[in-house]
N, C-alpha and C. Protein backbone atom coordinates (compact mmCIF):
# COMPACT_ATOMS: atom_id res chain seq x y z
N MET A 1 8.22 7.22 23.67
CA MET A 1 9.02 6.05 23.94
C MET A 1 10.69 5.87 24.16
N GLY A 2 11.20 7.72 24.59
CA GLY A 2 12.08 8.14 25.23
C GLY A 2 13.50 8.35 24.68
N LYS A 3 14.67 8.03 25.34
CA LYS A 3 15.56 8.81 24.03
C LYS A 3 16.33 7.36 24.04
N ILE A 4 17.23 7.23 23.09
CA ILE A 4 17.72 6.18 22.42
C ILE A 4 18.87 6.21 22.11
N ASP A 5 20.29 4.85 21.68
CA ASP A 5 21.16 4.93 21.99
C ASP A 5 21.73 5.12 21.01
N PRO A 6 22.30 6.26 20.43
CA PRO A 6 22.73 6.74 19.09
C PRO A 6 23.63 4.81 18.59
N ALA A 7 24.03 4.13 19.05
CA ALA A 7 24.21 3.37 17.85
C ALA A 7 23.27 3.02 17.62
N GLN A 8 21.71 2.71 17.63
CA GLN A 8 20.96 2.25 16.85
C GLN A 8 20.41 2.91 16.21
N MET A 9 21.04 4.62 15.51
CA MET A 9 20.49 5.57 14.62
C MET A 9 20.41 4.80 13.35
N PRO A 10 21.47 4.44 13.15
CA PRO A 10 21.17 3.71 11.66
C PRO A 10 20.22 2.73 11.16
N ARG A 11 20.04 2.18 11.97
CA ARG A 11 18.42 1.10 11.95
C ARG A 11 17.01 2.17 12.03
N LEU A 12 17.53 2.99 12.12
CA LEU A 12 15.86 3.72 12.26
C LEU A 12 15.65 4.67 10.78
N LEU A 13 14.70 4.85 10.78
CA LEU A 13 14.20 6.31 10.02
C LEU A 13 13.38 7.43 10.63
N THR A 14 14.50 8.30 9.66
CA THR A 14 13.42 9.57 10.10
C THR A 14 12.57 10.05 9.49
N VAL A 15 11.44 10.37 10.11
CA VAL A 15 9.89 10.64 9.64
C VAL A 15 9.74 11.01 8.32
N GLY A 16 10.86 11.91 7.43
CA GLY A 16 10.90 12.09 6.29
C GLY A 16 11.02 10.87 5.87
N GLU A 17 11.77 9.53 6.05
CA GLU A 17 12.09 8.24 5.05
C GLU A 17 10.68 7.64 5.63
N VAL A 18 10.30 7.79 6.63
CA VAL A 18 8.50 7.09 6.03
C VAL A 18 7.64 7.89 5.68
N ALA A 19 7.55 8.74 5.86
CA ALA A 19 6.96 9.83 4.87
C ALA A 19 6.90 9.04 3.23
N ALA A 20 8.23 8.87 2.83
CA ALA A 20 8.49 8.77 1.73
C ALA A 20 8.31 7.10 1.26
N ARG A 21 8.87 6.07 2.04
CA ARG A 21 8.21 4.92 1.85
C ARG A 21 6.78 4.55 2.10
N SER A 22 6.44 5.02 2.47
CA SER A 22 4.89 4.52 2.61
C SER A 22 3.82 5.55 2.02
N GLY A 23 4.31 6.78 1.51
CA GLY A 23 3.53 6.91 1.35
C GLY A 23 2.39 8.31 1.69
N VAL A 24 2.83 8.33 2.76
CA VAL A 24 1.84 9.03 3.35
C VAL A 24 2.90 10.62 4.17
N ALA A 25 2.01 11.66 4.11
CA ALA A 25 2.86 12.78 4.70
C ALA A 25 2.96 12.61 6.12
N VAL A 26 4.10 13.57 5.88
CA VAL A 26 4.81 13.72 7.40
C VAL A 26 3.98 14.06 8.54
N SER A 27 2.62 15.46 8.15
CA SER A 27 2.15 15.70 8.76
C SER A 27 1.00 14.76 9.26
N THR A 28 0.26 13.21 8.67
CA THR A 28 -0.31 12.33 8.45
C THR A 28 0.33 11.28 9.77
N LEU A 29 2.00 11.12 9.86
CA LEU A 29 2.66 10.25 10.52
C LEU A 29 2.35 11.02 12.08
N HIS A 30 2.38 12.39 12.32
CA HIS A 30 2.55 13.33 13.19
C HIS A 30 1.11 12.68 13.77
N PHE A 31 0.03 12.60 13.32
CA PHE A 31 -1.35 12.52 13.39
C PHE A 31 -1.42 11.22 13.77
N TYR A 32 -0.83 10.48 13.24
CA TYR A 32 -1.15 9.10 13.52
C TYR A 32 -0.41 8.65 15.23
N GLU A 33 0.50 9.41 15.05
CA GLU A 33 1.11 9.48 16.54
C GLU A 33 0.35 10.03 17.71
N ALA A 34 -0.31 11.11 17.49
CA ALA A 34 -1.11 11.72 18.63
C ALA A 34 -1.86 10.58 18.84
N LYS A 35 -2.60 10.05 17.98
CA LYS A 35 -3.65 9.46 17.79
C LYS A 35 -3.45 8.18 18.68
N GLY A 36 -2.49 7.59 18.96
CA GLY A 36 -1.59 6.33 19.67
C GLY A 36 -1.72 5.30 18.65
N LEU A 37 -1.50 5.40 17.41
CA LEU A 37 -1.51 4.40 16.36
C LEU A 37 0.09 3.71 16.07
N ILE A 38 1.17 5.23 15.90
CA ILE A 38 2.19 4.52 15.98
C ILE A 38 3.28 5.45 17.10
N GLU A 39 4.28 4.63 17.30
CA GLU A 39 5.26 5.68 17.94
C GLU A 39 6.38 5.62 17.77
N SER A 40 7.10 6.82 17.61
CA SER A 40 8.42 6.65 17.61
C SER A 40 9.58 7.13 18.84
N HIS A 41 10.48 6.80 18.53
CA HIS A 41 11.53 6.98 19.35
C HIS A 41 11.99 8.79 18.99
N ARG A 42 12.94 9.15 20.07
CA ARG A 42 13.40 10.21 20.18
C ARG A 42 14.78 10.09 20.03
N SER A 43 15.37 11.33 19.59
CA SER A 43 16.98 11.09 19.17
C SER A 43 17.08 11.92 20.17
N SER A 44 18.94 12.32 20.34
CA SER A 44 19.29 13.23 21.48
C SER A 44 19.56 14.44 20.80
N GLY A 45 18.50 14.79 19.69
CA GLY A 45 18.51 15.71 19.14
C GLY A 45 16.63 16.14 19.24
N ASN A 46 16.18 15.38 19.61
CA ASN A 46 14.78 15.52 19.93
C ASN A 46 13.86 15.13 18.82
N GLN A 47 14.71 14.41 18.03
CA GLN A 47 14.44 14.40 16.30
C GLN A 47 13.30 12.77 16.52
N ARG A 48 12.06 12.41 16.08
CA ARG A 48 11.51 11.88 15.83
C ARG A 48 12.38 10.13 15.09
N ARG A 49 12.39 9.52 15.33
CA ARG A 49 13.17 7.87 14.78
C ARG A 49 12.38 6.54 14.93
N TYR A 50 12.25 5.80 14.22
CA TYR A 50 11.03 4.99 13.33
C TYR A 50 11.53 3.83 13.13
N PRO A 51 11.83 2.50 13.53
CA PRO A 51 11.86 1.08 13.80
C PRO A 51 11.48 0.64 12.38
N ARG A 52 12.37 0.66 11.58
CA ARG A 52 11.36 0.01 10.04
C ARG A 52 10.19 -0.92 9.70
N GLU A 53 10.35 -1.31 11.19
CA GLU A 53 8.73 -2.03 11.12
C GLU A 53 7.59 -1.31 11.01
N ILE A 54 7.39 0.13 10.96
CA ILE A 54 6.31 0.85 11.61
C ILE A 54 5.45 1.13 10.11
N LEU A 55 6.53 0.70 9.08
CA LEU A 55 6.70 0.56 7.77
C LEU A 55 5.07 -0.09 7.42
N ARG A 56 5.46 -1.34 8.25
CA ARG A 56 3.92 -2.43 8.18
C ARG A 56 3.21 -1.94 8.37
N ARG A 57 2.91 -1.27 10.03
CA ARG A 57 1.85 -1.01 10.52
C ARG A 57 1.16 0.41 9.79
N VAL A 58 2.14 1.41 9.27
CA VAL A 58 1.26 2.64 8.44
C VAL A 58 0.28 1.57 7.37
N ALA A 59 0.80 0.62 6.81
CA ALA A 59 0.54 0.04 5.29
C ALA A 59 -1.11 -0.20 5.99
N ILE A 60 -1.21 -0.91 7.48
CA ILE A 60 -2.38 -1.81 8.05
C ILE A 60 -3.48 -0.11 8.49
N ILE A 61 -2.65 0.59 8.59
CA ILE A 61 -3.70 1.73 9.03
C ILE A 61 -4.10 2.46 7.15
N LYS A 62 -3.20 2.18 6.61
CA LYS A 62 -3.90 3.36 5.32
C LYS A 62 -5.18 2.03 4.64
N VAL A 63 -4.79 0.66 4.67
CA VAL A 63 -5.58 -0.47 4.11
C VAL A 63 -7.00 -0.59 5.06
N ALA A 64 -7.21 -0.13 6.05
CA ALA A 64 -8.16 -0.05 7.25
C ALA A 64 -8.21 1.27 6.67
N GLN A 65 -8.01 2.51 6.62
CA GLN A 65 -8.70 3.92 6.48
C GLN A 65 -9.39 3.59 5.17
N ARG A 66 -9.05 3.44 4.07
CA ARG A 66 -9.35 2.95 2.34
C ARG A 66 -10.95 2.13 2.59
N VAL A 67 -10.42 0.97 3.25
CA VAL A 67 -12.28 0.38 3.29
C VAL A 67 -12.82 1.32 4.67
N GLY A 68 -12.49 2.33 4.80
CA GLY A 68 -13.81 2.69 5.97
C GLY A 68 -13.50 2.59 7.48
N ILE A 69 -12.98 1.50 7.95
CA ILE A 69 -12.36 1.18 9.44
C ILE A 69 -12.55 2.89 9.63
N PRO A 70 -12.80 2.84 11.18
CA PRO A 70 -12.40 4.19 11.52
C PRO A 70 -10.97 4.51 12.44
N LEU A 71 -10.53 5.34 12.88
CA LEU A 71 -9.26 4.77 13.19
C LEU A 71 -9.39 4.71 14.29
N ALA A 72 -10.57 5.12 15.45
CA ALA A 72 -10.27 4.39 16.52
C ALA A 72 -10.65 2.93 17.20
N GLU A 73 -11.49 2.78 15.71
CA GLU A 73 -11.58 1.01 15.54
C GLU A 73 -9.73 0.50 15.88
N VAL A 74 -9.36 1.45 14.57
CA VAL A 74 -7.91 0.69 14.34
C VAL A 74 -6.98 0.53 15.37
N GLN A 75 -6.76 1.80 15.92
CA GLN A 75 -6.15 1.83 16.92
C GLN A 75 -6.56 0.69 18.34
N ALA A 76 -8.15 0.79 18.82
CA ALA A 76 -8.28 -0.65 19.53
C ALA A 76 -7.81 -1.68 18.91
N ALA A 77 -7.85 -2.30 18.00
CA ALA A 77 -6.99 -3.33 17.41
C ALA A 77 -5.90 -3.24 17.51
N LEU A 78 -4.72 -2.47 17.39
CA LEU A 78 -3.53 -2.19 17.25
C LEU A 78 -2.67 -2.07 18.53
N SER A 79 -3.73 -1.17 19.51
CA SER A 79 -3.31 -2.05 21.02
C SER A 79 -3.63 -2.38 21.57
N ALA A 80 -4.31 -3.74 21.09
CA ALA A 80 -4.52 -5.45 21.64
C ALA A 80 -3.36 -5.98 21.29
N LEU A 81 -2.64 -5.98 20.58
CA LEU A 81 -1.40 -6.52 19.98
C LEU A 81 -0.48 -6.83 21.38
N PRO A 82 -0.03 -7.97 21.50
CA PRO A 82 0.66 -8.19 22.84
C PRO A 82 2.59 -7.25 22.78
N GLN A 83 2.38 -6.24 23.53
CA GLN A 83 3.62 -5.19 23.42
C GLN A 83 3.53 -4.07 22.70
N GLY A 84 2.43 -4.24 21.97
CA GLY A 84 1.73 -2.96 20.79
C GLY A 84 2.89 -3.01 19.98
N ARG A 85 3.44 -4.43 19.26
CA ARG A 85 3.91 -4.56 18.21
C ARG A 85 3.54 -4.95 16.79
N THR A 86 4.19 -4.67 16.25
CA THR A 86 4.12 -4.93 14.40
C THR A 86 3.20 -6.05 14.40
N PRO A 87 2.31 -5.70 13.72
CA PRO A 87 1.57 -7.07 13.23
C PRO A 87 2.34 -7.96 12.41
N THR A 88 1.90 -9.34 12.54
CA THR A 88 2.57 -10.60 12.13
C THR A 88 1.58 -10.68 10.51
N ALA A 89 1.65 -11.74 10.26
CA ALA A 89 0.65 -11.40 9.27
C ALA A 89 -0.55 -12.70 10.00
N SER A 90 -0.70 -13.24 10.91
CA SER A 90 -1.57 -14.10 11.81
C SER A 90 -2.00 -12.99 12.31
N ASP A 91 -1.71 -11.69 12.58
CA ASP A 91 -1.96 -11.02 13.20
C ASP A 91 -2.99 -10.24 12.33
N TRP A 92 -2.89 -10.16 10.80
CA TRP A 92 -3.08 -9.29 10.22
C TRP A 92 -4.68 -10.03 9.44
N LYS A 93 -4.31 -11.49 9.83
CA LYS A 93 -5.39 -12.65 9.75
C LYS A 93 -6.79 -11.98 10.64
N ALA A 94 -6.22 -12.15 11.62
CA ALA A 94 -7.27 -11.88 12.80
C ALA A 94 -7.72 -10.39 13.12
N LEU A 95 -7.23 -9.37 13.08
CA LEU A 95 -7.83 -8.01 12.32
C LEU A 95 -8.68 -7.72 11.16
N SER A 96 -8.31 -7.86 10.12
CA SER A 96 -8.81 -8.27 9.30
C SER A 96 -10.64 -9.18 9.35
N GLY A 97 -10.11 -10.20 9.97
CA GLY A 97 -11.56 -10.88 10.22
C GLY A 97 -12.38 -9.86 11.17
N LEU A 98 -11.88 -9.27 12.12
CA LEU A 98 -12.90 -8.36 12.67
C LEU A 98 -13.71 -7.82 12.30
N TRP A 99 -12.57 -6.82 11.00
CA TRP A 99 -13.84 -5.94 10.49
C TRP A 99 -14.26 -6.55 9.12
N LYS A 100 -14.22 -7.79 8.97
CA LYS A 100 -14.95 -8.66 8.01
C LYS A 100 -16.40 -8.18 7.92
N GLY A 101 -17.03 -8.37 8.56
CA GLY A 101 -18.21 -8.21 9.38
C GLY A 101 -19.23 -7.30 9.24
N ASP A 102 -18.63 -6.29 9.84
CA ASP A 102 -18.66 -4.38 9.80
C ASP A 102 -18.79 -4.45 8.42
N LEU A 103 -17.52 -4.21 7.26
CA LEU A 103 -17.74 -4.17 5.88
C LEU A 103 -18.88 -4.87 5.80
N ASP A 104 -18.99 -6.01 5.16
CA ASP A 104 -20.48 -6.82 4.71
C ASP A 104 -21.39 -5.99 5.01
N ALA A 105 -21.91 -5.52 6.16
CA ALA A 105 -22.87 -5.03 6.56
C ALA A 105 -22.97 -3.64 5.50
N ARG A 106 -22.02 -2.50 5.80
CA ARG A 106 -21.72 -1.41 4.95
C ARG A 106 -21.93 -1.75 3.57
N ILE A 107 -21.64 -2.75 3.47
CA ILE A 107 -21.65 -2.87 1.60
C ILE A 107 -23.30 -3.13 1.38
N LYS A 108 -23.98 -4.26 2.25
CA LYS A 108 -25.10 -4.63 2.27
C LYS A 108 -26.40 -2.74 2.29
N ARG A 109 -25.75 -2.15 2.95
CA ARG A 109 -26.49 -0.56 3.13
C ARG A 109 -26.50 -0.32 2.16
N LEU A 110 -25.28 0.15 1.80
CA LEU A 110 -25.06 0.78 0.48
C LEU A 110 -25.48 0.50 -0.80
N GLN A 111 -25.09 -1.05 -0.34
CA GLN A 111 -26.34 -1.69 -2.36
C GLN A 111 -27.58 -1.28 -2.23
N GLY A 112 -28.05 -1.22 -0.64
CA GLY A 112 -29.91 -0.95 -0.84
C GLY A 112 -29.96 0.92 -0.86
N LEU A 113 -29.15 1.72 -0.50
CA LEU A 113 -29.02 3.00 -0.87
C LEU A 113 -28.57 2.92 -2.33
N ARG A 114 -28.18 2.81 -2.89
CA ARG A 114 -27.68 2.88 -4.10
C ARG A 114 -29.10 2.22 -5.21
N ASP A 115 -29.94 1.08 -4.86
CA ASP A 115 -30.83 0.82 -5.30
C ASP A 115 -32.53 1.91 -5.30
N GLN A 116 -31.94 2.76 -3.98
CA GLN A 116 -33.31 3.40 -4.00
C GLN A 116 -32.93 4.79 -4.24
N LEU A 117 -32.09 4.98 -4.72
CA LEU A 117 -31.47 6.39 -4.46
C LEU A 117 -32.10 7.22 -5.75
N ASP A 118 -32.66 6.20 -7.14
CA ASP A 118 -33.22 7.02 -8.29
C ASP A 118 -34.76 7.26 -7.82
N GLY A 119 -35.69 6.59 -6.62
CA GLY A 119 -36.61 6.19 -6.64
C GLY A 119 -36.99 8.11 -5.53
N CYS A 120 -36.77 8.01 -4.79
CA CYS A 120 -36.82 9.06 -4.05
C CYS A 120 -35.94 9.68 -3.54
N ILE A 121 -36.08 11.13 -2.80
CA ILE A 121 -35.29 11.83 -2.10
C ILE A 121 -34.62 11.38 -0.78
N GLY A 122 -35.58 10.67 -0.47
CA GLY A 122 -35.64 10.45 0.92
C GLY A 122 -36.24 10.38 2.01
N CYS A 123 -37.83 11.73 1.48
CA CYS A 123 -38.51 12.57 2.13
C CYS A 123 -37.87 12.98 3.40
N GLY A 124 -38.11 14.26 3.59
CA GLY A 124 -37.27 15.18 4.69
C GLY A 124 -36.47 16.10 4.01
N CYS A 125 -36.03 15.46 3.09
CA CYS A 125 -34.23 16.19 3.13
C CYS A 125 -34.18 17.59 2.84
N LEU A 126 -35.41 17.80 1.73
CA LEU A 126 -35.54 19.37 1.74
C LEU A 126 -36.67 19.93 2.27
N SER A 127 -37.37 19.19 3.53
CA SER A 127 -38.18 19.83 3.95
C SER A 127 -39.47 20.19 3.29
N LEU A 128 -39.88 19.20 2.12
CA LEU A 128 -40.96 19.14 1.34
C LEU A 128 -41.83 18.86 2.59
N ASP A 129 -42.97 19.54 2.61
CA ASP A 129 -44.37 19.51 2.85
C ASP A 129 -45.54 18.19 2.68
N SER A 130 -45.20 17.66 1.51
CA SER A 130 -45.53 16.08 1.21
C SER A 130 -45.09 15.64 0.17
N CYS A 131 -45.02 14.44 -0.27
CA CYS A 131 -44.17 13.32 -0.89
C CYS A 131 -44.74 12.35 -1.44
N PRO A 132 -45.49 12.53 -2.19
CA PRO A 132 -46.69 11.74 -3.07
C PRO A 132 -45.91 10.30 -3.09
N LEU A 133 -44.91 10.61 -3.17
CA LEU A 133 -44.10 8.71 -3.52
C LEU A 133 -44.01 8.06 -2.49
N ARG A 134 -43.43 8.14 -1.24
CA ARG A 134 -43.10 7.28 0.23
C ARG A 134 -44.26 8.43 0.95
N ASN A 135 -43.86 9.54 1.31
CA ASN A 135 -44.14 10.43 2.32
C ASN A 135 -45.18 11.28 2.19
N PRO A 136 -47.21 10.43 1.98
CA PRO A 136 -48.17 11.75 1.76
C PRO A 136 -48.38 12.43 3.19
N TRP A 137 -48.42 13.21 3.00
CA TRP A 137 -48.75 13.89 4.10
C TRP A 137 -47.65 14.62 5.66
N ASP A 138 -46.15 14.20 4.77
CA ASP A 138 -45.32 14.83 5.44
C ASP A 138 -45.72 14.16 7.21
N THR A 139 -45.58 12.73 7.19
CA THR A 139 -46.05 11.99 8.45
C THR A 139 -44.98 11.96 8.66
N LEU A 140 -43.36 11.69 8.18
CA LEU A 140 -41.99 11.47 8.52
C LEU A 140 -41.45 12.82 8.95
N SER A 141 -42.05 13.69 9.12
CA SER A 141 -41.48 15.04 9.73
C SER A 141 -41.26 14.87 11.06
N GLU A 142 -42.39 14.04 11.79
CA GLU A 142 -42.06 13.70 13.29
C GLU A 142 -41.14 13.12 13.63
N GLN A 143 -40.76 12.53 12.86
CA GLN A 143 -39.43 11.92 13.49
C GLN A 143 -37.95 12.80 13.34
N GLY A 144 -38.05 14.02 12.43
CA GLY A 144 -37.05 14.46 12.31
C GLY A 144 -36.92 15.03 11.53
N ALA A 145 -35.77 16.14 10.79
CA ALA A 145 -34.75 16.54 9.49
C ALA A 145 -34.53 15.19 9.15
N GLY A 146 -34.54 16.04 8.04
CA GLY A 146 -33.64 14.86 6.82
C GLY A 146 -34.30 13.49 6.49
N PRO A 147 -33.43 12.67 5.62
CA PRO A 147 -34.07 11.83 4.93
C PRO A 147 -34.19 10.40 6.09
N ARG A 148 -35.44 10.03 5.29
CA ARG A 148 -35.47 9.10 7.09
C ARG A 148 -35.85 7.96 6.02
N LEU A 149 -35.93 8.17 5.07
CA LEU A 149 -36.43 6.10 4.66
C LEU A 149 -34.98 5.42 3.45
N LEU A 150 -34.49 6.54 3.15
CA LEU A 150 -33.28 5.73 2.17
C LEU A 150 -32.35 4.95 3.19
N ASP A 151 -31.92 6.13 4.27
CA ASP A 151 -30.72 4.78 5.04
C ASP A 151 -31.57 4.67 6.95
N PRO A 152 -33.06 4.16 6.81
CA PRO A 152 -32.93 3.80 8.17
C PRO A 152 -32.22 3.42 9.59
N GLY A 153 -30.88 3.04 8.97
CA GLY A 153 -30.21 2.76 9.75
C GLY A 153 -29.26 3.75 10.60
N GLU A 154 -29.60 4.54 10.40
CA GLU A 154 -28.62 6.15 11.21
C GLU A 154 -29.63 6.71 12.18
């Protein structure tokens, strides 16, 4: 983002302060920045400085990651905000609404996997010649290696 005016320095946080306040490692903040999820300003000594609003952005990234939203989707959603601003409450409502359908589908898929887990190993994941439960004569081997019946969505 460029160099900043030293008069603004007291309002900005160092990378260590952001890490301590957000519960995210410094290396993770550097990773987020490399992926375009957050931005820093550079001091005259070329040190990263962040506005306090970055804490909300990092919190949103952490929540999204925790529920399994890929970082590429998080980055796309955040970059769609006007001028890359920190999300407001209404922005969060819209972002979370976008992800809700995906989460519902993933939950349904995981529940199906859970319910089938004790009945079969997935037919093919151990390169079995035959499976008397669900894959007699190893017919699913023609579809490729690995489990075929437990998660047909893959």
